[in-house]
Each structure stands twice: as C-alpha cells, then as structure tokens.
C-alpha atoms as a PDB file:
ATOM      1  CA  MET A   1      -5.545  46.003 -16.672  1.00  0.00           C
ATOM      2  CA  LYS A   2      -6.078  49.337 -18.348  1.00  0.00           C
ATOM      3  CA  LEU A   3      -2.757  51.194 -18.133  1.00  0.00           C
ATOM      4  CA  GLU A   4      -4.075  54.705 -18.810  1.00  0.00           C
ATOM      5  CA  ASN A   5      -6.096  57.274 -16.843  1.00  0.00           C
ATOM      6  CA  ASN A   6      -5.686  55.710 -13.416  1.00  0.00           C
ATOM      7  CA  THR A   7      -4.719  57.260 -10.087  1.00  0.00           C
ATOM      8  CA  VAL A   8      -1.924  55.109  -8.697  1.00  0.00           C
ATOM      9  CA  LEU A   9      -0.126  55.071  -5.363  1.00  0.00           C
ATOM     10  CA  ILE A  10       3.339  53.479  -5.407  1.00  0.00           C
ATOM     11  CA  THR A  11       5.036  52.876  -2.073  1.00  0.00           C
ATOM     12  CA  GLY A  12       8.808  53.220  -2.260  1.00  0.00           C
ATOM     13  CA  GLY A  13       8.356  55.218  -5.452  1.00  0.00           C
ATOM     14  CA  SER A  14      11.362  57.515  -5.157  1.00  0.00           C
ATOM     15  CA  SER A  15      13.977  55.099  -6.549  1.00  0.00           C
ATOM     16  CA  GLY A  16      14.534  51.764  -8.267  1.00  0.00           C
ATOM     17  CA  ILE A  17      11.575  49.896  -9.687  1.00  0.00           C
ATOM     18  CA  GLY A  18       9.106  52.251  -8.003  1.00  0.00           C
ATOM     19  CA  LEU A  19      10.557  55.314  -9.710  1.00  0.00           C
ATOM     20  CA  GLU A  20      10.759  53.537 -13.074  1.00  0.00           C
ATOM     21  CA  LEU A  21       7.108  52.541 -12.737  1.00  0.00           C
ATOM     22  CA  ALA A  22       6.220  56.134 -11.902  1.00  0.00           C
ATOM     23  CA  LYS A  23       8.014  57.352 -15.052  1.00  0.00           C
ATOM     24  CA  VAL A  24       6.215  54.910 -17.327  1.00  0.00           C
ATOM     25  CA  LEU A  25       2.792  55.418 -15.754  1.00  0.00           C
ATOM     26  CA  VAL A  26       3.049  59.214 -15.884  1.00  0.00           C
ATOM     27  CA  ALA A  27       3.885  58.917 -19.585  1.00  0.00           C
ATOM     28  CA  LYS A  28       0.711  56.871 -20.028  1.00  0.00           C
ATOM     29  CA  ASN A  29      -1.459  59.689 -18.644  1.00  0.00           C
ATOM     30  CA  ASN A  30      -1.902  58.332 -15.123  1.00  0.00           C
ATOM     31  CA  LYS A  31      -1.933  60.412 -11.949  1.00  0.00           C
ATOM     32  CA  VAL A  32       0.925  58.976  -9.892  1.00  0.00           C
ATOM     33  CA  LEU A  33       1.365  59.341  -6.148  1.00  0.00           C
ATOM     34  CA  ILE A  34       4.450  58.089  -4.333  1.00  0.00           C
ATOM     35  CA  CYS A  35       5.593  57.839  -0.743  1.00  0.00           C
ATOM     36  CA  GLY A  36       8.833  57.124   1.067  1.00  0.00           C
ATOM     37  CA  ARG A  37      10.849  57.898   4.183  1.00  0.00           C
ATOM     38  CA  ASN A  38      13.573  59.996   2.570  1.00  0.00           C
ATOM     39  CA  LEU A  39      12.422  63.547   1.802  1.00  0.00           C
ATOM     40  CA  GLU A  40      15.491  64.303  -0.323  1.00  0.00           C
ATOM     41  CA  LYS A  41      14.820  61.312  -2.608  1.00  0.00           C
ATOM     42  CA  LEU A  42      11.140  62.215  -2.864  1.00  0.00           C
ATOM     43  CA  THR A  43      12.028  65.792  -3.803  1.00  0.00           C
ATOM     44  CA  GLN A  44      14.485  64.551  -6.430  1.00  0.00           C
ATOM     45  CA  ALA A  45      11.812  62.265  -7.880  1.00  0.00           C
ATOM     46  CA  LYS A  46       9.426  65.201  -8.063  1.00  0.00           C
ATOM     47  CA  ALA A  47      12.071  67.247  -9.883  1.00  0.00           C
ATOM     48  CA  GLN A  48      12.422  64.445 -12.444  1.00  0.00           C
ATOM     49  CA  LEU A  49       8.686  63.955 -12.762  1.00  0.00           C
ATOM     50  CA  PRO A  50       6.851  67.215 -11.999  1.00  0.00           C
ATOM     51  CA  GLY A  51       3.489  65.518 -12.552  1.00  0.00           C
ATOM     52  CA  ILE A  52       3.787  63.200  -9.558  1.00  0.00           C
ATOM     53  CA  GLU A  53       2.757  64.009  -5.985  1.00  0.00           C
ATOM     54  CA  PHE A  54       4.340  62.627  -2.841  1.00  0.00           C
ATOM     55  CA  LEU A  55       3.923  62.221   0.891  1.00  0.00           C
ATOM     56  CA  GLN A  56       6.839  61.582   3.217  1.00  0.00           C
ATOM     57  CA  CYS A  57       5.979  58.769   5.601  1.00  0.00           C
ATOM     58  CA  ASP A  58       7.361  55.617   7.195  1.00  0.00           C
ATOM     59  CA  ILE A  59       5.054  52.736   6.306  1.00  0.00           C
ATOM     60  CA  SER A  60       6.720  50.453   8.854  1.00  0.00           C
ATOM     61  CA  LYS A  61       4.562  52.311  11.408  1.00  0.00           C
ATOM     62  CA  PRO A  62       0.806  51.545  11.371  1.00  0.00           C
ATOM     63  CA  ASP A  63      -0.164  55.139  12.185  1.00  0.00           C
ATOM     64  CA  GLU A  64       1.894  56.325   9.195  1.00  0.00           C
ATOM     65  CA  CYS A  65       0.049  53.852   6.956  1.00  0.00           C
ATOM     66  CA  GLU A  66      -3.200  55.302   8.207  1.00  0.00           C
ATOM     67  CA  LYS A  67      -1.886  58.840   7.588  1.00  0.00           C
ATOM     68  CA  LEU A  68      -1.005  57.878   4.023  1.00  0.00           C
ATOM     69  CA  ALA A  69      -4.471  56.420   3.400  1.00  0.00           C
ATOM     70  CA  LYS A  70      -6.119  59.550   4.821  1.00  0.00           C
ATOM     71  CA  TRP A  71      -3.986  61.788   2.586  1.00  0.00           C
ATOM     72  CA  VAL A  72      -5.038  59.812  -0.478  1.00  0.00           C
ATOM     73  CA  LYS A  73      -8.705  59.630   0.556  1.00  0.00           C
ATOM     74  CA  ASP A  74      -8.920  63.378   1.263  1.00  0.00           C
ATOM     75  CA  THR A  75      -6.784  64.643  -1.621  1.00  0.00           C
ATOM     76  CA  TYR A  76      -6.979  62.003  -4.355  1.00  0.00           C
ATOM     77  CA  PRO A  77     -10.258  60.116  -3.820  1.00  0.00           C
ATOM     78  CA  ALA A  78     -10.142  58.840  -7.424  1.00  0.00           C
ATOM     79  CA  CYS A  79      -7.231  56.569  -6.477  1.00  0.00           C
ATOM     80  CA  ASN A  80      -7.983  53.107  -7.851  1.00  0.00           C
ATOM     81  CA  ILE A  81      -4.604  51.335  -7.743  1.00  0.00           C
ATOM     82  CA  LEU A  82      -2.314  50.547  -4.822  1.00  0.00           C
ATOM     83  CA  ILE A  83       1.154  49.169  -5.621  1.00  0.00           C
ATOM     84  CA  ASN A  84       2.842  47.752  -2.518  1.00  0.00           C
ATOM     85  CA  ASN A  85       6.419  48.068  -3.731  1.00  0.00           C
ATOM     86  CA  ALA A  86       8.490  49.313  -0.772  1.00  0.00           C
ATOM     87  CA  ALA A  87      10.792  46.805   0.910  1.00  0.00           C
ATOM     88  CA  ILE A  88      14.032  46.643   2.870  1.00  0.00           C
ATOM     89  CA  VAL A  89      16.644  43.931   3.336  1.00  0.00           C
ATOM     90  CA  HIS A  90      19.578  43.150   5.604  1.00  0.00           C
ATOM     91  CA  PHE A  91      22.470  41.007   4.410  1.00  0.00           C
ATOM     92  CA  SER A  92      23.324  39.337   7.695  1.00  0.00           C
ATOM     93  CA  ASN A  93      24.225  36.152   9.511  1.00  0.00           C
ATOM     94  CA  PHE A  94      21.580  35.055  11.997  1.00  0.00           C
ATOM     95  CA  TYR A  95      24.094  33.439  14.350  1.00  0.00           C
ATOM     96  CA  GLU A  96      26.754  36.149  14.264  1.00  0.00           C
ATOM     97  CA  THR A  97      24.769  39.396  14.119  1.00  0.00           C
ATOM     98  CA  GLU A  98      24.160  40.846  17.580  1.00  0.00           C
ATOM     99  CA  ASN A  99      21.150  43.008  16.729  1.00  0.00           C
ATOM    100  CA  ILE A 100      19.600  40.444  14.377  1.00  0.00           C
ATOM    101  CA  LEU A 101      16.180  40.629  16.039  1.00  0.00           C
ATOM    102  CA  GLU A 102      15.996  44.343  15.231  1.00  0.00           C
ATOM    103  CA  HIS A 103      16.694  43.472  11.592  1.00  0.00           C
ATOM    104  CA  ALA A 104      13.855  40.951  11.724  1.00  0.00           C
ATOM    105  CA  ARG A 105      11.427  43.446  13.227  1.00  0.00           C
ATOM    106  CA  MET A 106      12.230  46.137  10.654  1.00  0.00           C
ATOM    107  CA  GLU A 107      11.827  43.815   7.692  1.00  0.00           C
ATOM    108  CA  ILE A 108       8.615  42.227   8.948  1.00  0.00           C
ATOM    109  CA  GLU A 109       7.054  45.631   9.603  1.00  0.00           C
ATOM    110  CA  THR A 110       8.077  47.103   6.233  1.00  0.00           C
ATOM    111  CA  ASN A 111       7.871  44.127   3.879  1.00  0.00           C
ATOM    112  CA  LEU A 112       4.882  42.291   5.317  1.00  0.00           C
ATOM    113  CA  PHE A 113       2.826  44.204   7.848  1.00  0.00           C
ATOM    114  CA  ALA A 114       2.810  47.453   5.848  1.00  0.00           C
ATOM    115  CA  PRO A 115       1.302  45.892   2.669  1.00  0.00           C
ATOM    116  CA  ILE A 116      -1.288  44.132   4.827  1.00  0.00           C
ATOM    117  CA  ALA A 117      -2.194  47.352   6.661  1.00  0.00           C
ATOM    118  CA  LEU A 118      -2.265  49.425   3.484  1.00  0.00           C
ATOM    119  CA  SER A 119      -4.482  46.863   1.766  1.00  0.00           C
ATOM    120  CA  LYS A 120      -6.940  47.130   4.655  1.00  0.00           C
ATOM    121  CA  PHE A 121      -6.869  50.941   4.687  1.00  0.00           C
ATOM    122  CA  PHE A 122      -7.046  51.339   0.899  1.00  0.00           C
ATOM    123  CA  ILE A 123      -9.783  48.865   0.013  1.00  0.00           C
ATOM    124  CA  PRO A 124     -12.554  51.294   1.110  1.00  0.00           C
ATOM    125  CA  ILE A 125     -10.940  53.991  -1.053  1.00  0.00           C
ATOM    126  CA  ILE A 126     -10.237  52.095  -4.248  1.00  0.00           C
ATOM    127  CA  GLU A 127     -13.354  49.899  -4.330  1.00  0.00           C
ATOM    128  CA  LYS A 128     -15.445  53.027  -4.998  1.00  0.00           C
ATOM    129  CA  ASN A 129     -13.578  53.579  -8.257  1.00  0.00           C
ATOM    130  CA  ARG A 130     -13.466  51.735 -11.571  1.00  0.00           C
ATOM    131  CA  PHE A 131     -10.670  49.240 -12.228  1.00  0.00           C
ATOM    132  CA  ALA A 132      -9.760  48.900  -8.534  1.00  0.00           C
ATOM    133  CA  HIS A 133      -6.501  47.019  -8.186  1.00  0.00           C
ATOM    134  CA  ILE A 134      -3.973  46.013  -5.516  1.00  0.00           C
ATOM    135  CA  ILE A 135      -0.553  44.972  -6.826  1.00  0.00           C
ATOM    136  CA  ASN A 136       1.892  43.338  -4.424  1.00  0.00           C
ATOM    137  CA  ILE A 137       5.555  43.197  -5.402  1.00  0.00           C
ATOM    138  CA  THR A 138       7.413  40.079  -4.291  1.00  0.00           C
ATOM    139  CA  THR A 139      10.343  38.041  -5.616  1.00  0.00           C
ATOM    140  CA  GLY A 140      11.286  34.711  -7.130  1.00  0.00           C
ATOM    141  CA  LEU A 141      12.813  33.956  -3.724  1.00  0.00           C
ATOM    142  CA  VAL A 142       9.323  33.046  -2.495  1.00  0.00           C
ATOM    143  CA  TYR A 143      10.015  29.733  -4.259  1.00  0.00           C
ATOM    144  CA  SER A 144      13.574  29.153  -3.084  1.00  0.00           C
ATOM    145  CA  PRO A 145      15.235  31.401  -0.474  1.00  0.00           C
ATOM    146  CA  LYS A 146      18.677  32.970  -0.614  1.00  0.00           C
ATOM    147  CA  ALA A 147      20.630  32.242   2.571  1.00  0.00           C
ATOM    148  CA  GLU A 148      22.211  35.680   2.924  1.00  0.00           C
ATOM    149  CA  TYR A 149      18.759  37.213   3.457  1.00  0.00           C
ATOM    150  CA  PRO A 150      17.556  35.588   6.717  1.00  0.00           C
ATOM    151  CA  PHE A 151      14.261  37.522   6.804  1.00  0.00           C
ATOM    152  CA  TYR A 152      13.628  39.064   3.379  1.00  0.00           C
ATOM    153  CA  ASN A 153      12.764  35.694   1.816  1.00  0.00           C
ATOM    154  CA  ALA A 154      10.387  34.882   4.660  1.00  0.00           C
ATOM    155  CA  THR A 155       8.574  38.225   4.541  1.00  0.00           C
ATOM    156  CA  LYS A 156       8.048  37.970   0.799  1.00  0.00           C
ATOM    157  CA  ALA A 157       6.935  34.329   1.028  1.00  0.00           C
ATOM    158  CA  ALA A 158       4.396  35.399   3.653  1.00  0.00           C
ATOM    159  CA  LEU A 159       3.220  38.256   1.407  1.00  0.00           C
ATOM    160  CA  HIS A 160       2.886  35.742  -1.439  1.00  0.00           C
ATOM    161  CA  SER A 161       0.623  33.607   0.741  1.00  0.00           C
ATOM    162  CA  PHE A 162      -1.385  36.617   1.950  1.00  0.00           C
ATOM    163  CA  THR A 163      -1.873  37.801  -1.637  1.00  0.00           C
ATOM    164  CA  GLN A 164      -3.308  34.439  -2.659  1.00  0.00           C
ATOM    165  CA  VAL A 165      -5.720  34.472   0.289  1.00  0.00           C
ATOM    166  CA  LEU A 166      -6.733  38.087  -0.336  1.00  0.00           C
ATOM    167  CA  ARG A 167      -7.454  37.261  -3.987  1.00  0.00           C
ATOM    168  CA  LYS A 168      -9.657  34.354  -2.917  1.00  0.00           C
ATOM    169  CA  GLN A 169     -11.529  36.318  -0.244  1.00  0.00           C
ATOM    170  CA  LEU A 170     -12.151  39.253  -2.597  1.00  0.00           C
ATOM    171  CA  SER A 171     -13.164  37.095  -5.549  1.00  0.00           C
ATOM    172  CA  GLY A 172     -16.727  38.375  -5.314  1.00  0.00           C
ATOM    173  CA  LYS A 173     -15.639  42.014  -5.261  1.00  0.00           C
ATOM    174  CA  SER A 174     -14.600  44.311  -8.097  1.00  0.00           C
ATOM    175  CA  ILE A 175     -10.990  44.515  -6.886  1.00  0.00           C
ATOM    176  CA  LYS A 176      -8.224  42.838  -8.886  1.00  0.00           C
ATOM    177  CA  ILE A 177      -5.355  41.345  -6.843  1.00  0.00           C
ATOM    178  CA  THR A 178      -2.047  40.813  -8.632  1.00  0.00           C
ATOM    179  CA  GLU A 179       1.369  39.634  -7.501  1.00  0.00           C
ATOM    180  CA  VAL A 180       4.514  40.543  -9.421  1.00  0.00           C
ATOM    181  CA  MET A 181       7.598  38.426  -8.713  1.00  0.00           C
ATOM    182  CA  PHE A 182      10.874  40.038  -9.702  1.00  0.00           C
ATOM    183  CA  PRO A 183      14.298  38.463 -10.128  1.00  0.00           C
ATOM    184  CA  ALA A 184      17.413  40.419  -9.110  1.00  0.00           C
ATOM    185  CA  VAL A 185      17.053  43.929 -10.546  1.00  0.00           C
ATOM    186  CA  ASP A 186      19.829  46.516 -10.834  1.00  0.00           C
ATOM    187  CA  THR A 187      18.577  49.110  -8.340  1.00  0.00           C
ATOM    188  CA  PRO A 188      20.006  51.073  -5.369  1.00  0.00           C
ATOM    189  CA  TRP A 189      18.631  48.194  -3.236  1.00  0.00           C
ATOM    190  CA  HIS A 190      21.913  46.367  -3.984  1.00  0.00           C
ATOM    191  CA  LYS A 191      24.004  49.336  -2.740  1.00  0.00           C
ATOM    192  CA  GLY A 192      26.160  49.502  -5.849  1.00  0.00           C
ATOM    193  CA  ASN A 193      26.872  45.773  -5.994  1.00  0.00           C
ATOM    194  CA  PRO A 194      24.116  44.115  -8.045  1.00  0.00           C
ATOM    195  CA  PRO A 195      24.559  40.429  -8.922  1.00  0.00           C
ATOM    196  CA  LYS A 196      25.673  39.591 -12.451  1.00  0.00           C
ATOM    197  CA  ILE A 197      22.245  38.173 -13.272  1.00  0.00           C
ATOM    198  CA  ALA A 198      20.446  41.422 -12.375  1.00  0.00           C
ATOM    199  CA  ILE A 199      18.203  42.865 -15.080  1.00  0.00           C
ATOM    200  CA  SER A 200      17.545  46.563 -15.664  1.00  0.00           C
ATOM    201  CA  THR A 201      14.644  48.431 -14.071  1.00  0.00           C
ATOM    202  CA  GLN A 202      13.447  49.225 -17.600  1.00  0.00           C
ATOM    203  CA  LEU A 203      13.196  45.555 -18.577  1.00  0.00           C
ATOM    204  CA  ALA A 204      11.636  44.604 -15.245  1.00  0.00           C
ATOM    205  CA  THR A 205       8.994  47.307 -15.572  1.00  0.00           C
ATOM    206  CA  GLU A 206       8.303  46.501 -19.225  1.00  0.00           C
ATOM    207  CA  GLU A 207       7.618  42.831 -18.417  1.00  0.00           C
ATOM    208  CA  MET A 208       5.474  43.773 -15.432  1.00  0.00           C
ATOM    209  CA  LEU A 209       3.262  46.063 -17.496  1.00  0.00           C
ATOM    210  CA  LYS A 210       2.888  43.436 -20.234  1.00  0.00           C
ATOM    211  CA  GLY A 211       1.648  40.983 -17.596  1.00  0.00           C
ATOM    212  CA  LEU A 212      -0.758  43.557 -16.189  1.00  0.00           C
ATOM    213  CA  GLU A 213      -2.177  44.243 -19.646  1.00  0.00           C
ATOM    214  CA  LYS A 214      -2.889  40.509 -19.941  1.00  0.00           C
ATOM    215  CA  ASP A 215      -4.677  40.555 -16.560  1.00  0.00           C
ATOM    216  CA  LYS A 216      -2.463  37.854 -15.087  1.00  0.00           C
ATOM    217  CA  ASP A 217      -2.922  37.105 -11.379  1.00  0.00           C
ATOM    218  CA  GLU A 218       0.740  36.198 -10.914  1.00  0.00           C
ATOM    219  CA  ILE A 219       3.425  37.770 -13.083  1.00  0.00           C
ATOM    220  CA  ARG A 220       6.811  36.034 -13.019  1.00  0.00           C
ATOM    221  CA  ILE A 221       9.507  38.250 -14.467  1.00  0.00           C
ATOM    222  CA  ALA A 222      12.478  36.916 -16.470  1.00  0.00           C
ATOM    223  CA  GLY A 223      14.414  34.259 -14.517  1.00  0.00           C
ATOM    224  CA  VAL A 224      11.617  33.788 -11.997  1.00  0.00           C
ATOM    225  CA  LYS A 225       9.802  31.648 -14.567  1.00  0.00           C
ATOM    226  CA  LEU A 226      12.674  29.158 -14.601  1.00  0.00           C
ATOM    227  CA  LEU A 227      13.148  29.245 -10.818  1.00  0.00           C
ATOM    228  CA  TYR A 228       9.453  28.515 -10.339  1.00  0.00           C
ATOM    229  CA  ALA A 229       9.606  25.499 -12.640  1.00  0.00           C
ATOM    230  CA  VAL A 230      12.819  24.111 -11.157  1.00  0.00           C
ATOM    231  CA  SER A 231      11.643  24.606  -7.576  1.00  0.00           C
ATOM    232  CA  ARG A 232       8.569  22.500  -8.320  1.00  0.00           C
ATOM    233  CA  ILE A 233      10.526  19.654  -9.926  1.00  0.00           C
ATOM    234  CA  ALA A 234      13.748  19.698  -7.881  1.00  0.00           C
ATOM    235  CA  PRO A 235      13.486  21.983  -4.844  1.00  0.00           C
ATOM    236  CA  LYS A 236      16.852  20.971  -3.363  1.00  0.00           C
ATOM    237  CA  PHE A 237      18.597  21.706  -6.652  1.00  0.00           C
ATOM    238  CA  ALA A 238      16.821  25.083  -6.908  1.00  0.00           C
ATOM    239  CA  PHE A 239      17.951  26.014  -3.403  1.00  0.00           C
ATOM    240  CA  LYS A 240      21.529  24.981  -4.150  1.00  0.00           C
ATOM    241  CA  LYS A 241      21.542  26.868  -7.449  1.00  0.00           C
ATOM    242  CA  ILE A 242      20.094  30.116  -6.077  1.00  0.00           C
ATOM    243  CA  ASN A 243      22.699  30.100  -3.316  1.00  0.00           C
ATOM    244  CA  SER A 244      25.622  29.430  -5.644  1.00  0.00           C
ATOM    245  CA  LEU A 245      25.079  32.367  -7.979  1.00  0.00           C
ATOM    246  CA  ALA A 246      28.026  34.737  -8.108  1.00  0.00           C
ATOM    247  CA  LYS A 247      27.736  38.357  -7.137  1.00  0.00           C
END
C-alpha cells in the first residue's frame, strides 16, 4: 500500500488507535476524514489535527452509514481508503446481566453490521479512485475468545470471516481488502484499566503501517502472531491461556 497522498476515512477516529492512525496519516500527506458519535471528542481531535475533517454520526444505524457515505461521495469524492475501526464492547456475564440482549444488539450493529454496510456503500466511491482499499480492524480474539466479552469476540470473528469472503469475491476488482488483528492496546476502550500485556497505540499503529506497506492481506500485530500459532496447534491451551491473563 502507498501510504502517502490518499483520502482516508477512519471510523471511530476521535480516540485510541483511530486517532493515532489519523495523526500518522496526516503527517504522511494524506487527507484524513473521521467520524464518531461524540461531538466533543471529534472537536477535540480536530483541534489536535486541524487538517482532518469529521462528521458526527452513529454507524450502528444503517441510515447513518448511508449519510456518512453520501457526505464522503459529495464532499470528498477522491476517497480511496475506508478503515473500519470503530467498535464497542461490554464486559458482562451472559447469565447474570438482565439487559444482555441489548448489549448483544449494540455490539452486533456497531462491530459487524456497520463495517458490512459501509463496505457496500463505499465500494462505488472508492473503486473509481486509484489504490482503492478497505481495511477492517479485528483482534487476535478471532482465534481464541476471551470469556468476559460474550459478544465482542463473536462480532470480530464474524467480521474476520466476512473479510475473507469479501477479499475472494473482489479478487477480480482493483480493491485491496486487508484485515488488521490487534492484541490488547492501551486505549480509552479499556476505561483506564488496560491489561498488563497491552501495547501502546504508537507501537500498534507502527506495526500496522509496516504490514500495509508490505501489502499483506492479514496483519497480525505483536502477540497476535503467537496466539494464532498456538490456537492452531493447541486450541484448548490457547483458550485457557487467553482467559488466565491478569488485568
């Protein structure tokens, strides 16, 4: 992937990995667009990075995904890269949590349905431009799930599967499909309590961009490489290990 002179949309780009990506890509002379639900966070991101543009929207709603695509098509038709980064998680017990089905609905809509919808809406936009690319952000937990996330693992595993199918179906088109699998990363996603094994957003982003420069289809960041290997050889051990890691 060419890392300069692109027009990139990053969902969930106002904090964490999304914001770090925006910083690095702006520095590499890319036009960066971000979106998110929280207007205050978007405004703060814009203050940090005056060169970015943003749209406030809730991608868990299909009509908001369509609104986002229309904004990009009408205002930034040169957009050639979509990064499906936004995701939410609930730390909950399936048996004990009363409103657990609402948690499931929210995560499925945000983590799975939104990237699918945005891929559909953005393909007609980006395929007209050079170096068209869809990048889906997932996690090493697609290989072995963590029990405290009853739905997050499942949504990302489903996105992993969808990404593989999309890559196969678009193999005759000029659109690159990449999946980036992150380990635990020290971001606001952990609400001030990241696990001890969490890596920095800077390191996570650096490894991601190195993989993109090498045109890899699947980019496994840091500890995900080991989890992938172990899960293939000893899946029960991998599951036990991932669920025994200390906070």
